[in-house]
Amino acid sequence: MVVSSAANSDTFKVTTPSDREIRITRLFDAPRHLVFEAMTKPEHIKRWWGRLGEGYSVPVCEVDLRPGGAWRFVSRHPKGEAAFHGVYREITPPDRM
């Protein structure tokens, strides 16, 4: 696993409030609207999601940013690929998705 030396990386937390929810929180030293954009636009997602080092990339990044819309990322890494997907249930820019 890659350990980040990025500012505020120690503020990253993942919780599961229910069996259908994953809550991910992290503090960023940036305006909310820019963080929201970085997490919702494929051209930005590919840069931060795949920035783990040599041999990592995000060849697939699909975002249908609307309630009921789906997202799908495929992360390529030195040992293969991993796919991630989900559905947006609620979107309240720039606070919640």
Protein backbone atom coordinates (compact mmCIF):
# COMPACT_ATOMS: atom_id res chain seq x y z
CA MET A 1 0.00 0.00 0.00
CA VAL A 2 1.21 3.45 -0.87
CA VAL A 3 1.49 5.85 2.04
CA SER A 4 0.74 9.46 1.20
CA SER A 5 2.85 12.33 2.42
CA ALA A 6 0.23 14.81 1.17
CA ALA A 7 -0.87 17.56 3.50
CA ASN A 8 -3.78 16.53 5.74
CA SER A 9 -3.66 12.87 4.62
CA ASP A 10 -3.98 11.93 8.30
CA THR A 11 -7.51 13.43 8.28
CA PHE A 12 -8.81 10.73 5.89
CA LYS A 13 -11.56 8.64 7.49
CA VAL A 14 -13.94 5.98 6.18
CA THR A 15 -17.03 4.93 8.13
CA THR A 16 -20.10 2.82 7.36
CA PRO A 17 -23.12 4.51 8.99
CA SER A 18 -25.41 1.79 7.60
CA ASP A 19 -25.22 -1.31 5.43
CA ARG A 20 -25.93 0.88 2.36
CA GLU A 21 -23.66 3.84 3.11
CA ILE A 22 -19.98 4.58 3.01
CA ARG A 23 -18.94 7.94 4.40
CA ILE A 24 -15.53 9.19 3.35
CA THR A 25 -14.19 12.37 4.91
CA ARG A 26 -10.94 14.26 4.61
CA LEU A 27 -9.89 17.85 5.20
CA PHE A 28 -8.39 19.70 2.26
CA ASP A 29 -6.68 23.07 2.27
CA ALA A 30 -8.72 24.22 -0.73
CA PRO A 31 -12.05 25.89 -1.46
CA ARG A 32 -15.03 23.49 -1.35
CA HIS A 33 -16.00 24.12 -4.96
CA LEU A 34 -12.55 23.06 -6.19
CA VAL A 35 -12.58 19.88 -4.10
CA PHE A 36 -16.06 19.04 -5.42
CA GLU A 37 -14.87 19.63 -9.00
CA ALA A 38 -11.81 17.44 -8.44
CA MET A 39 -14.05 14.60 -7.25
CA THR A 40 -16.67 14.89 -10.01
CA LYS A 41 -14.88 15.67 -13.29
CA PRO A 42 -13.18 12.74 -15.05
CA GLU A 43 -10.17 14.75 -16.17
CA HIS A 44 -9.40 15.59 -12.53
CA ILE A 45 -10.35 12.20 -11.09
CA LYS A 46 -7.88 10.47 -13.41
CA ARG A 47 -5.10 12.67 -12.07
CA TRP A 48 -5.66 12.20 -8.34
CA TRP A 49 -7.09 8.66 -8.29
CA GLY A 50 -4.23 7.31 -10.38
CA ARG A 51 -1.43 9.25 -8.69
CA LEU A 52 0.00 6.42 -6.66
CA GLY A 53 3.32 6.05 -8.42
CA GLU A 54 4.96 4.36 -11.37
CA GLY A 55 2.70 1.89 -13.16
CA TYR A 56 -0.58 3.30 -11.87
CA SER A 57 -3.26 4.86 -14.07
CA VAL A 58 -7.02 5.26 -14.49
CA PRO A 59 -7.87 4.16 -18.05
CA VAL A 60 -11.64 4.22 -17.38
CA CYS A 61 -13.40 7.06 -15.58
CA GLU A 62 -17.13 7.44 -16.17
CA VAL A 63 -19.23 9.97 -14.24
CA ASP A 64 -22.96 10.59 -14.67
CA LEU A 65 -23.28 13.27 -11.99
CA ARG A 66 -26.99 13.31 -11.14
CA PRO A 67 -29.14 11.54 -8.57
CA GLY A 68 -29.50 8.00 -9.90
CA GLY A 69 -26.49 8.45 -12.18
CA ALA A 70 -23.64 5.96 -12.05
CA TRP A 71 -19.88 6.30 -11.67
CA ARG A 72 -17.21 3.77 -12.62
CA PHE A 73 -13.42 3.92 -12.33
CA VAL A 74 -10.91 1.29 -13.40
CA SER A 75 -7.53 1.58 -11.76
CA ARG A 76 -4.58 -0.07 -13.48
CA HIS A 77 -1.66 -1.01 -11.26
CA PRO A 78 1.50 -3.13 -11.55
CA LYS A 79 -0.35 -6.32 -10.52
CA GLY A 80 -3.45 -5.84 -12.69
CA GLU A 81 -6.64 -3.83 -12.55
CA ALA A 82 -9.33 -3.02 -10.01
CA ALA A 83 -12.77 -1.64 -10.83
CA PHE A 84 -14.88 0.59 -8.60
CA HIS A 85 -18.47 1.64 -9.20
CA GLY A 86 -21.51 3.15 -7.56
CA VAL A 87 -24.64 5.24 -7.96
CA TYR A 88 -25.11 8.83 -6.87
CA ARG A 89 -28.07 9.04 -4.50
CA GLU A 90 -27.77 12.69 -3.52
CA ILE A 91 -25.82 15.58 -4.97
CA THR A 92 -25.64 18.95 -3.22
CA PRO A 93 -22.72 20.92 -4.70
CA PRO A 94 -20.27 21.64 -3.25
CA ASP A 95 -21.09 19.89 0.03
CA ARG A 96 -22.33 16.39 -0.59
CA MET A 97 -22.48 13.57 -3.06
